[in-house]
PDB file of N, CA and C in Angstrom:
ATOM      1  N   UNK A   1      26.921 -74.572 -21.688  1.00  0.00           N
ATOM      2  CA  UNK A   1      25.805 -73.716 -21.337  1.00  0.00           C
ATOM      3  C   UNK A   1      26.295 -72.282 -21.156  1.00  0.00           C
ATOM      4  N   UNK A   2      25.471 -71.353 -21.516  1.00  0.00           N
ATOM      5  CA  UNK A   2      25.773 -69.943 -21.349  1.00  0.00           C
ATOM      6  C   UNK A   2      24.951 -69.403 -20.184  1.00  0.00           C
ATOM      7  N   UNK A   3      25.618 -68.771 -19.230  1.00  0.00           N
ATOM      8  CA  UNK A   3      24.953 -68.193 -18.063  1.00  0.00           C
ATOM      9  C   UNK A   3      25.146 -66.682 -18.105  1.00  0.00           C
ATOM     10  N   UNK A   4      24.176 -65.917 -18.597  1.00  0.00           N
ATOM     11  CA  UNK A   4      24.360 -64.472 -18.771  1.00  0.00           C
ATOM     12  C   UNK A   4      24.481 -63.699 -17.459  1.00  0.00           C
ATOM     13  N   UNK A   5      24.063 -64.268 -16.352  1.00  0.00           N
ATOM     14  CA  UNK A   5      24.107 -63.560 -15.068  1.00  0.00           C
ATOM     15  C   UNK A   5      25.168 -64.134 -14.143  1.00  0.00           C
ATOM     16  N   UNK A   6      26.220 -64.696 -14.687  1.00  0.00           N
ATOM     17  CA  UNK A   6      27.272 -65.280 -13.863  1.00  0.00           C
ATOM     18  C   UNK A   6      28.364 -64.255 -13.570  1.00  0.00           C
ATOM     19  N   UNK A   7      29.163 -64.538 -12.565  1.00  0.00           N
ATOM     20  CA  UNK A   7      30.283 -63.683 -12.176  1.00  0.00           C
ATOM     21  C   UNK A   7      31.506 -64.532 -11.917  1.00  0.00           C
ATOM     22  N   UNK A   8      32.651 -63.945 -12.130  1.00  0.00           N
ATOM     23  CA  UNK A   8      33.902 -64.577 -11.761  1.00  0.00           C
ATOM     24  C   UNK A   8      34.451 -63.788 -10.583  1.00  0.00           C
ATOM     25  N   UNK A   9      34.877 -64.478  -9.527  1.00  0.00           N
ATOM     26  CA  UNK A   9      35.297 -63.824  -8.294  1.00  0.00           C
ATOM     27  C   UNK A   9      36.765 -64.113  -8.027  1.00  0.00           C
ATOM     28  N   UNK A  10      37.516 -63.059  -7.715  1.00  0.00           N
ATOM     29  CA  UNK A  10      38.896 -63.190  -7.268  1.00  0.00           C
ATOM     30  C   UNK A  10      38.962 -62.543  -5.895  1.00  0.00           C
ATOM     31  N   UNK A  11      39.182 -63.353  -4.860  1.00  0.00           N
ATOM     32  CA  UNK A  11      39.226 -62.831  -3.498  1.00  0.00           C
ATOM     33  C   UNK A  11      40.492 -62.024  -3.273  1.00  0.00           C
ATOM     34  N   UNK A  12      40.350 -60.923  -2.557  1.00  0.00           N
ATOM     35  CA  UNK A  12      41.494 -60.048  -2.304  1.00  0.00           C
ATOM     36  C   UNK A  12      42.517 -60.717  -1.398  1.00  0.00           C
ATOM     37  N   UNK A  13      42.121 -61.740  -0.645  1.00  0.00           N
ATOM     38  CA  UNK A  13      43.062 -62.430   0.238  1.00  0.00           C
ATOM     39  C   UNK A  13      43.684 -63.665  -0.410  1.00  0.00           C
ATOM     40  N   UNK A  14      43.554 -63.816  -1.714  1.00  0.00           N
ATOM     41  CA  UNK A  14      44.184 -64.910  -2.447  1.00  0.00           C
ATOM     42  C   UNK A  14      45.700 -64.747  -2.394  1.00  0.00           C
ATOM     43  N   UNK A  15      46.410 -65.749  -1.862  1.00  0.00           N
ATOM     44  CA  UNK A  15      47.867 -65.621  -1.723  1.00  0.00           C
ATOM     45  C   UNK A  15      48.605 -65.831  -3.042  1.00  0.00           C
ATOM     46  N   UNK A  16      47.898 -66.201  -4.105  1.00  0.00           N
ATOM     47  CA  UNK A  16      48.527 -66.362  -5.413  1.00  0.00           C
ATOM     48  C   UNK A  16      48.360 -65.134  -6.308  1.00  0.00           C
ATOM     49  N   UNK A  17      47.673 -64.112  -5.831  1.00  0.00           N
ATOM     50  CA  UNK A  17      47.505 -62.886  -6.606  1.00  0.00           C
ATOM     51  C   UNK A  17      47.699 -61.701  -5.667  1.00  0.00           C
ATOM     52  N   UNK A  18      47.602 -60.508  -6.184  1.00  0.00           N
ATOM     53  CA  UNK A  18      47.794 -59.321  -5.357  1.00  0.00           C
ATOM     54  C   UNK A  18      46.835 -58.221  -5.752  1.00  0.00           C
ATOM     55  N   UNK A  19      46.775 -57.203  -4.913  1.00  0.00           N
ATOM     56  CA  UNK A  19      45.916 -56.053  -5.179  1.00  0.00           C
ATOM     57  C   UNK A  19      46.688 -54.782  -4.882  1.00  0.00           C
ATOM     58  N   UNK A  20      46.501 -53.772  -5.722  1.00  0.00           N
ATOM     59  CA  UNK A  20      47.115 -52.476  -5.476  1.00  0.00           C
ATOM     60  C   UNK A  20      46.410 -51.791  -4.316  1.00  0.00           C
ATOM     61  N   UNK A  21      47.191 -51.298  -3.354  1.00  0.00           N
ATOM     62  CA  UNK A  21      46.624 -50.636  -2.175  1.00  0.00           C
ATOM     63  C   UNK A  21      47.341 -49.324  -1.900  1.00  0.00           C
ATOM     64  N   UNK A  22      46.701 -48.529  -1.073  1.00  0.00           N
ATOM     65  CA  UNK A  22      47.281 -47.265  -0.630  1.00  0.00           C
ATOM     66  C   UNK A  22      46.982 -47.122   0.857  1.00  0.00           C
ATOM     67  N   UNK A  23      47.956 -46.602   1.603  1.00  0.00           N
ATOM     68  CA  UNK A  23      47.741 -46.342   3.024  1.00  0.00           C
ATOM     69  C   UNK A  23      47.007 -45.015   3.149  1.00  0.00           C
ATOM     70  N   UNK A  24      45.929 -45.022   3.900  1.00  0.00           N
ATOM     71  CA  UNK A  24      44.989 -43.906   3.904  1.00  0.00           C
ATOM     72  C   UNK A  24      45.597 -42.566   4.297  1.00  0.00           C
ATOM     73  N   UNK A  25      46.462 -42.520   5.309  1.00  0.00           N
ATOM     74  CA  UNK A  25      47.005 -41.237   5.768  1.00  0.00           C
ATOM     75  C   UNK A  25      48.330 -40.870   5.117  1.00  0.00           C
ATOM     76  N   UNK A  26      49.248 -41.819   5.021  1.00  0.00           N
ATOM     77  CA  UNK A  26      50.566 -41.519   4.456  1.00  0.00           C
ATOM     78  C   UNK A  26      50.538 -41.519   2.929  1.00  0.00           C
ATOM     79  N   UNK A  27      49.509 -42.106   2.323  1.00  0.00           N
ATOM     80  CA  UNK A  27      49.339 -42.183   0.874  1.00  0.00           C
ATOM     81  C   UNK A  27      50.411 -43.041   0.194  1.00  0.00           C
ATOM     82  N   UNK A  28      51.100 -43.875   0.937  1.00  0.00           N
ATOM     83  CA  UNK A  28      52.074 -44.800   0.353  1.00  0.00           C
ATOM     84  C   UNK A  28      51.339 -45.885  -0.403  1.00  0.00           C
ATOM     85  N   UNK A  29      51.885 -46.287  -1.546  1.00  0.00           N
ATOM     86  CA  UNK A  29      51.255 -47.315  -2.359  1.00  0.00           C
ATOM     87  C   UNK A  29      52.089 -48.585  -2.355  1.00  0.00           C
ATOM     88  N   UNK A  30      51.426 -49.700  -2.476  1.00  0.00           N
ATOM     89  CA  UNK A  30      52.106 -50.984  -2.526  1.00  0.00           C
ATOM     90  C   UNK A  30      51.169 -52.051  -3.060  1.00  0.00           C
ATOM     91  N   UNK A  31      51.571 -53.288  -2.870  1.00  0.00           N
ATOM     92  CA  UNK A  31      50.786 -54.450  -3.280  1.00  0.00           C
ATOM     93  C   UNK A  31      50.495 -55.252  -2.021  1.00  0.00           C
ATOM     94  N   UNK A  32      49.287 -55.757  -1.902  1.00  0.00           N
ATOM     95  CA  UNK A  32      48.935 -56.597  -0.770  1.00  0.00           C
ATOM     96  C   UNK A  32      48.572 -57.987  -1.284  1.00  0.00           C
ATOM     97  N   UNK A  33      49.016 -58.992  -0.535  1.00  0.00           N
ATOM     98  CA  UNK A  33      48.679 -60.381  -0.843  1.00  0.00           C
ATOM     99  C   UNK A  33      48.144 -61.028   0.423  1.00  0.00           C
ATOM    100  N   UNK A  34      47.229 -61.959   0.251  1.00  0.00           N
ATOM    101  CA  UNK A  34      46.705 -62.699   1.395  1.00  0.00           C
ATOM    102  C   UNK A  34      47.710 -63.711   1.899  1.00  0.00           C
ATOM    103  N   UNK A  35      47.489 -64.172   3.097  1.00  0.00           N
ATOM    104  CA  UNK A  35      48.303 -65.236   3.685  1.00  0.00           C
ATOM    105  C   UNK A  35      47.376 -66.386   4.058  1.00  0.00           C
ATOM    106  N   UNK A  36      47.936 -67.447   4.522  1.00  0.00           N
ATOM    107  CA  UNK A  36      47.114 -68.576   4.961  1.00  0.00           C
ATOM    108  C   UNK A  36      46.499 -68.316   6.327  1.00  0.00           C
ATOM    109  N   UNK A  37      46.932 -67.256   6.965  1.00  0.00           N
ATOM    110  CA  UNK A  37      46.407 -66.884   8.275  1.00  0.00           C
ATOM    111  C   UNK A  37      45.519 -65.661   8.116  1.00  0.00           C
ATOM    112  N   UNK A  38      45.041 -65.119   9.217  1.00  0.00           N
ATOM    113  CA  UNK A  38      44.114 -63.978   9.168  1.00  0.00           C
ATOM    114  C   UNK A  38      44.900 -62.677   9.095  1.00  0.00           C
ATOM    115  N   UNK A  39      45.637 -62.495   8.013  1.00  0.00           N
ATOM    116  CA  UNK A  39      46.375 -61.251   7.804  1.00  0.00           C
ATOM    117  C   UNK A  39      46.772 -61.136   6.338  1.00  0.00           C
ATOM    118  N   UNK A  40      47.280 -59.960   5.973  1.00  0.00           N
ATOM    119  CA  UNK A  40      47.803 -59.688   4.647  1.00  0.00           C
ATOM    120  C   UNK A  40      49.264 -59.303   4.785  1.00  0.00           C
ATOM    121  N   UNK A  41      50.002 -59.402   3.683  1.00  0.00           N
ATOM    122  CA  UNK A  41      51.368 -58.886   3.641  1.00  0.00           C
ATOM    123  C   UNK A  41      51.446 -57.839   2.556  1.00  0.00           C
ATOM    124  N   UNK A  42      52.152 -56.732   2.872  1.00  0.00           N
ATOM    125  CA  UNK A  42      52.383 -55.668   1.903  1.00  0.00           C
ATOM    126  C   UNK A  42      53.718 -55.895   1.219  1.00  0.00           C
ATOM    127  N   UNK A  43      53.796 -55.515  -0.036  1.00  0.00           N
ATOM    128  CA  UNK A  43      55.038 -55.610  -0.787  1.00  0.00           C
ATOM    129  C   UNK A  43      55.315 -54.273  -1.473  1.00  0.00           C
ATOM    130  N   UNK A  44      56.579 -53.981  -1.650  1.00  0.00           N
ATOM    131  CA  UNK A  44      57.063 -52.830  -2.422  1.00  0.00           C
ATOM    132  C   UNK A  44      56.842 -51.482  -1.757  1.00  0.00           C
ATOM    133  N   UNK A  45      56.905 -51.441  -0.432  1.00  0.00           N
ATOM    134  CA  UNK A  45      56.970 -50.174   0.291  1.00  0.00           C
ATOM    135  C   UNK A  45      58.397 -50.074   0.814  1.00  0.00           C
ATOM    136  N   UNK A  46      59.086 -49.003   0.455  1.00  0.00           N
ATOM    137  CA  UNK A  46      60.505 -48.840   0.778  1.00  0.00           C
ATOM    138  C   UNK A  46      60.725 -48.802   2.293  1.00  0.00           C
ATOM    139  N   UNK A  47      61.855 -49.350   2.739  1.00  0.00           N
ATOM    140  CA  UNK A  47      62.132 -49.484   4.168  1.00  0.00           C
ATOM    141  C   UNK A  47      62.382 -48.154   4.869  1.00  0.00           C
ATOM    142  N   UNK A  48      62.661 -47.081   4.126  1.00  0.00           N
ATOM    143  CA  UNK A  48      62.867 -45.784   4.788  1.00  0.00           C
ATOM    144  C   UNK A  48      61.552 -45.018   4.981  1.00  0.00           C
ATOM    145  N   UNK A  49      60.441 -45.587   4.568  1.00  0.00           N
ATOM    146  CA  UNK A  49      59.128 -44.962   4.760  1.00  0.00           C
ATOM    147  C   UNK A  49      58.600 -45.250   6.159  1.00  0.00           C
ATOM    148  N   UNK A  50      57.791 -44.345   6.671  1.00  0.00           N
ATOM    149  CA  UNK A  50      57.172 -44.507   7.988  1.00  0.00           C
ATOM    150  C   UNK A  50      55.772 -45.084   7.804  1.00  0.00           C
ATOM    151  N   UNK A  51      55.584 -46.290   8.296  1.00  0.00           N
ATOM    152  CA  UNK A  51      54.281 -46.943   8.256  1.00  0.00           C
ATOM    153  C   UNK A  51      53.877 -47.199   9.698  1.00  0.00           C
ATOM    154  N   UNK A  52      52.808 -46.553  10.133  1.00  0.00           N
ATOM    155  CA  UNK A  52      52.382 -46.627  11.531  1.00  0.00           C
ATOM    156  C   UNK A  52      51.341 -47.717  11.734  1.00  0.00           C
ATOM    157  N   UNK A  53      51.500 -48.518  12.788  1.00  0.00           N
ATOM    158  CA  UNK A  53      50.442 -49.470  13.135  1.00  0.00           C
ATOM    159  C   UNK A  53      49.130 -48.715  13.355  1.00  0.00           C
ATOM    160  N   UNK A  54      48.056 -49.313  12.908  1.00  0.00           N
ATOM    161  CA  UNK A  54      46.745 -48.689  13.030  1.00  0.00           C
ATOM    162  C   UNK A  54      46.314 -47.925  11.790  1.00  0.00           C
ATOM    163  N   UNK A  55      47.238 -47.721  10.835  1.00  0.00           N
ATOM    164  CA  UNK A  55      46.876 -46.998   9.617  1.00  0.00           C
ATOM    165  C   UNK A  55      45.974 -47.879   8.748  1.00  0.00           C
ATOM    166  N   UNK A  56      44.935 -47.273   8.229  1.00  0.00           N
ATOM    167  CA  UNK A  56      43.942 -47.980   7.421  1.00  0.00           C
ATOM    168  C   UNK A  56      44.457 -48.175   5.995  1.00  0.00           C
ATOM    169  N   UNK A  57      44.180 -49.347   5.413  1.00  0.00           N
ATOM    170  CA  UNK A  57      44.619 -49.717   4.079  1.00  0.00           C
ATOM    171  C   UNK A  57      43.394 -49.843   3.173  1.00  0.00           C
ATOM    172  N   UNK A  58      43.451 -49.185   2.001  1.00  0.00           N
ATOM    173  CA  UNK A  58      42.343 -49.252   1.046  1.00  0.00           C
ATOM    174  C   UNK A  58      42.878 -49.609  -0.337  1.00  0.00           C
ATOM    175  N   UNK A  59      42.006 -50.107  -1.188  1.00  0.00           N
ATOM    176  CA  UNK A  59      42.414 -50.413  -2.556  1.00  0.00           C
ATOM    177  C   UNK A  59      42.710 -49.111  -3.296  1.00  0.00           C
ATOM    178  N   UNK A  60      43.721 -49.152  -4.167  1.00  0.00           N
ATOM    179  CA  UNK A  60      44.136 -47.951  -4.892  1.00  0.00           C
ATOM    180  C   UNK A  60      43.421 -47.794  -6.229  1.00  0.00           C
ATOM    181  N   UNK A  61      42.922 -48.883  -6.769  1.00  0.00           N
ATOM    182  CA  UNK A  61      42.286 -48.845  -8.080  1.00  0.00           C
ATOM    183  C   UNK A  61      43.273 -48.901  -9.226  1.00  0.00           C
ATOM    184  N   UNK A  62      44.561 -48.785  -8.934  1.00  0.00           N
ATOM    185  CA  UNK A  62      45.584 -48.766  -9.974  1.00  0.00           C
ATOM    186  C   UNK A  62      45.777 -50.091 -10.683  1.00  0.00           C
ATOM    187  N   UNK A  63      45.361 -51.185 -10.055  1.00  0.00           N
ATOM    188  CA  UNK A  63      45.518 -52.496 -10.688  1.00  0.00           C
ATOM    189  C   UNK A  63      44.398 -52.797 -11.681  1.00  0.00           C
ATOM    190  N   UNK A  64      43.372 -51.970 -11.705  1.00  0.00           N
ATOM    191  CA  UNK A  64      42.212 -52.109 -12.591  1.00  0.00           C
ATOM    192  C   UNK A  64      41.462 -53.420 -12.403  1.00  0.00           C
ATOM    193  N   UNK A  65      41.638 -54.027 -11.243  1.00  0.00           N
ATOM    194  CA  UNK A  65      40.877 -55.228 -10.885  1.00  0.00           C
ATOM    195  C   UNK A  65      39.910 -54.875  -9.765  1.00  0.00           C
ATOM    196  N   UNK A  66      40.440 -54.283  -8.704  1.00  0.00           N
ATOM    197  CA  UNK A  66      39.626 -53.879  -7.556  1.00  0.00           C
ATOM    198  C   UNK A  66      39.394 -52.372  -7.630  1.00  0.00           C
ATOM    199  N   UNK A  67      38.146 -51.922  -7.494  1.00  0.00           N
ATOM    200  CA  UNK A  67      37.868 -50.482  -7.540  1.00  0.00           C
ATOM    201  C   UNK A  67      38.551 -49.721  -6.404  1.00  0.00           C
ATOM    202  N   UNK A  68      38.820 -48.464  -6.602  1.00  0.00           N
ATOM    203  CA  UNK A  68      39.472 -47.598  -5.633  1.00  0.00           C
ATOM    204  C   UNK A  68      38.578 -47.393  -4.405  1.00  0.00           C
ATOM    205  N   UNK A  69      39.227 -47.412  -3.229  1.00  0.00           N
ATOM    206  CA  UNK A  69      38.555 -47.018  -2.000  1.00  0.00           C
ATOM    207  C   UNK A  69      37.949 -48.111  -1.153  1.00  0.00           C
ATOM    208  N   UNK A  70      38.055 -49.378  -1.546  1.00  0.00           N
ATOM    209  CA  UNK A  70      37.518 -50.451  -0.723  1.00  0.00           C
ATOM    210  C   UNK A  70      38.446 -50.736   0.455  1.00  0.00           C
ATOM    211  N   UNK A  71      37.862 -50.962   1.608  1.00  0.00           N
ATOM    212  CA  UNK A  71      38.619 -51.265   2.816  1.00  0.00           C
ATOM    213  C   UNK A  71      39.288 -52.631   2.695  1.00  0.00           C
ATOM    214  N   UNK A  72      40.588 -52.669   3.020  1.00  0.00           N
ATOM    215  CA  UNK A  72      41.339 -53.919   2.984  1.00  0.00           C
ATOM    216  C   UNK A  72      41.694 -54.364   4.401  1.00  0.00           C
ATOM    217  N   UNK A  73      42.125 -53.437   5.244  1.00  0.00           N
ATOM    218  CA  UNK A  73      42.503 -53.801   6.605  1.00  0.00           C
ATOM    219  C   UNK A  73      43.202 -52.664   7.306  1.00  0.00           C
ATOM    220  N   UNK A  74      43.869 -52.996   8.400  1.00  0.00           N
ATOM    221  CA  UNK A  74      44.589 -52.045   9.234  1.00  0.00           C
ATOM    222  C   UNK A  74      45.993 -52.569   9.483  1.00  0.00           C
ATOM    223  N   UNK A  75      46.991 -51.700   9.387  1.00  0.00           N
ATOM    224  CA  UNK A  75      48.385 -52.101   9.599  1.00  0.00           C
ATOM    225  C   UNK A  75      48.581 -52.595  11.035  1.00  0.00           C
ATOM    226  N   UNK A  76      49.184 -53.778  11.163  1.00  0.00           N
ATOM    227  CA  UNK A  76      49.532 -54.331  12.467  1.00  0.00           C
ATOM    228  C   UNK A  76      50.977 -53.985  12.807  1.00  0.00           C
ATOM    229  N   UNK A  77      51.882 -54.214  11.841  1.00  0.00           N
ATOM    230  CA  UNK A  77      53.309 -53.999  12.086  1.00  0.00           C
ATOM    231  C   UNK A  77      54.029 -53.774  10.767  1.00  0.00           C
ATOM    232  N   UNK A  78      55.165 -53.075  10.848  1.00  0.00           N
ATOM    233  CA  UNK A  78      56.035 -52.863   9.680  1.00  0.00           C
ATOM    234  C   UNK A  78      57.482 -52.893  10.156  1.00  0.00           C
ATOM    235  N   UNK A  79      58.261 -53.805   9.585  1.00  0.00           N
ATOM    236  CA  UNK A  79      59.672 -53.958   9.945  1.00  0.00           C
ATOM    237  C   UNK A  79      60.493 -54.112   8.669  1.00  0.00           C
ATOM    238  N   UNK A  80      61.807 -53.844   8.722  1.00  0.00           N
ATOM    239  CA  UNK A  80      62.635 -54.068   7.531  1.00  0.00           C
ATOM    240  C   UNK A  80      62.559 -55.526   7.085  1.00  0.00           C
ATOM    241  N   UNK A  81      62.490 -55.739   5.795  1.00  0.00           N
ATOM    242  CA  UNK A  81      62.428 -57.084   5.228  1.00  0.00           C
ATOM    243  C   UNK A  81      63.836 -57.489   4.808  1.00  0.00           C
ATOM    244  N   UNK A  82      64.518 -58.242   5.652  1.00  0.00           N
ATOM    245  CA  UNK A  82      65.912 -58.613   5.401  1.00  0.00           C
ATOM    246  C   UNK A  82      66.054 -59.562   4.212  1.00  0.00           C
ATOM    247  N   UNK A  83      64.976 -60.261   3.847  1.00  0.00           N
ATOM    248  CA  UNK A  83      65.008 -61.152   2.688  1.00  0.00           C
ATOM    249  C   UNK A  83      64.766 -60.390   1.390  1.00  0.00           C
ATOM    250  N   UNK A  84      64.175 -59.200   1.481  1.00  0.00           N
ATOM    251  CA  UNK A  84      63.810 -58.442   0.284  1.00  0.00           C
ATOM    252  C   UNK A  84      64.203 -56.975   0.462  1.00  0.00           C
ATOM    253  N   UNK A  85      65.436 -56.737   0.885  1.00  0.00           N
ATOM    254  CA  UNK A  85      65.945 -55.384   1.092  1.00  0.00           C
ATOM    255  C   UNK A  85      65.880 -54.628  -0.230  1.00  0.00           C
ATOM    256  N   UNK A  86      65.479 -53.431  -0.317  1.00  0.00           N
ATOM    257  CA  UNK A  86      65.287 -52.362   0.664  1.00  0.00           C
ATOM    258  C   UNK A  86      63.816 -52.112   1.037  1.00  0.00           C
ATOM    259  N   UNK A  87      62.998 -53.154   1.080  1.00  0.00           N
ATOM    260  CA  UNK A  87      61.581 -52.975   1.336  1.00  0.00           C
ATOM    261  C   UNK A  87      61.204 -53.312   2.776  1.00  0.00           C
ATOM    262  N   UNK A  88      60.006 -52.844   3.168  1.00  0.00           N
ATOM    263  CA  UNK A  88      59.448 -53.178   4.471  1.00  0.00           C
ATOM    264  C   UNK A  88      58.697 -54.496   4.394  1.00  0.00           C
ATOM    265  N   UNK A  89      58.646 -55.179   5.524  1.00  0.00           N
ATOM    266  CA  UNK A  89      57.759 -56.331   5.686  1.00  0.00           C
ATOM    267  C   UNK A  89      56.627 -55.823   6.564  1.00  0.00           C
ATOM    268  N   UNK A  90      55.461 -55.707   5.994  1.00  0.00           N
ATOM    269  CA  UNK A  90      54.315 -55.150   6.711  1.00  0.00           C
ATOM    270  C   UNK A  90      53.186 -56.155   6.736  1.00  0.00           C
ATOM    271  N   UNK A  91      52.441 -56.133   7.840  1.00  0.00           N
ATOM    272  CA  UNK A  91      51.287 -57.020   7.967  1.00  0.00           C
ATOM    273  C   UNK A  91      50.067 -56.186   8.313  1.00  0.00           C
ATOM    274  N   UNK A  92      48.919 -56.677   7.908  1.00  0.00           N
ATOM    275  CA  UNK A  92      47.662 -55.997   8.158  1.00  0.00           C
ATOM    276  C   UNK A  92      46.634 -57.015   8.597  1.00  0.00           C
ATOM    277  N   UNK A  93      45.742 -56.580   9.496  1.00  0.00           N
ATOM    278  CA  UNK A  93      44.596 -57.420   9.822  1.00  0.00           C
ATOM    279  C   UNK A  93      43.534 -57.181   8.771  1.00  0.00           C
ATOM    280  N   UNK A  94      42.624 -58.100   8.650  1.00  0.00           N
ATOM    281  CA  UNK A  94      41.550 -57.958   7.660  1.00  0.00           C
ATOM    282  C   UNK A  94      40.453 -57.070   8.201  1.00  0.00           C
ATOM    283  N   UNK A  95      39.899 -56.275   7.307  1.00  0.00           N
ATOM    284  CA  UNK A  95      38.746 -55.455   7.662  1.00  0.00           C
ATOM    285  C   UNK A  95      39.109 -54.230   8.468  1.00  0.00           C
ATOM    286  N   UNK A  96      38.131 -53.435   8.737  1.00  0.00           N
ATOM    287  CA  UNK A  96      38.308 -52.203   9.492  1.00  0.00           C
ATOM    288  C   UNK A  96      37.810 -52.419  10.908  1.00  0.00           C
ATOM    289  N   UNK A  97      38.586 -51.989  11.925  1.00  0.00           N
ATOM    290  CA  UNK A  97      38.157 -52.221  13.303  1.00  0.00           C
ATOM    291  C   UNK A  97      36.904 -51.440  13.649  1.00  0.00           C
TER     292      UNK A  97
END
């Protein structure tokens, strides 16, 4: 059957895919992936960058999947990622407070 008004949905919190994001104030770019819990993890932000808790995270549009400017969450914490040096291990809560 053909359904002309159907949509395919990829949730931004899918832990098997990622979305290009940018931190609203510092303008740092990275990739965010969902977790099984109520948070996201950032990837590919260098460990010498300053990422402040409370900074808002939005989609960058660079992945050409999610449009630019959609709210993703707020940074909870950022620490060196000893398993994936030289990057940060950052977490974000979902949505905007």
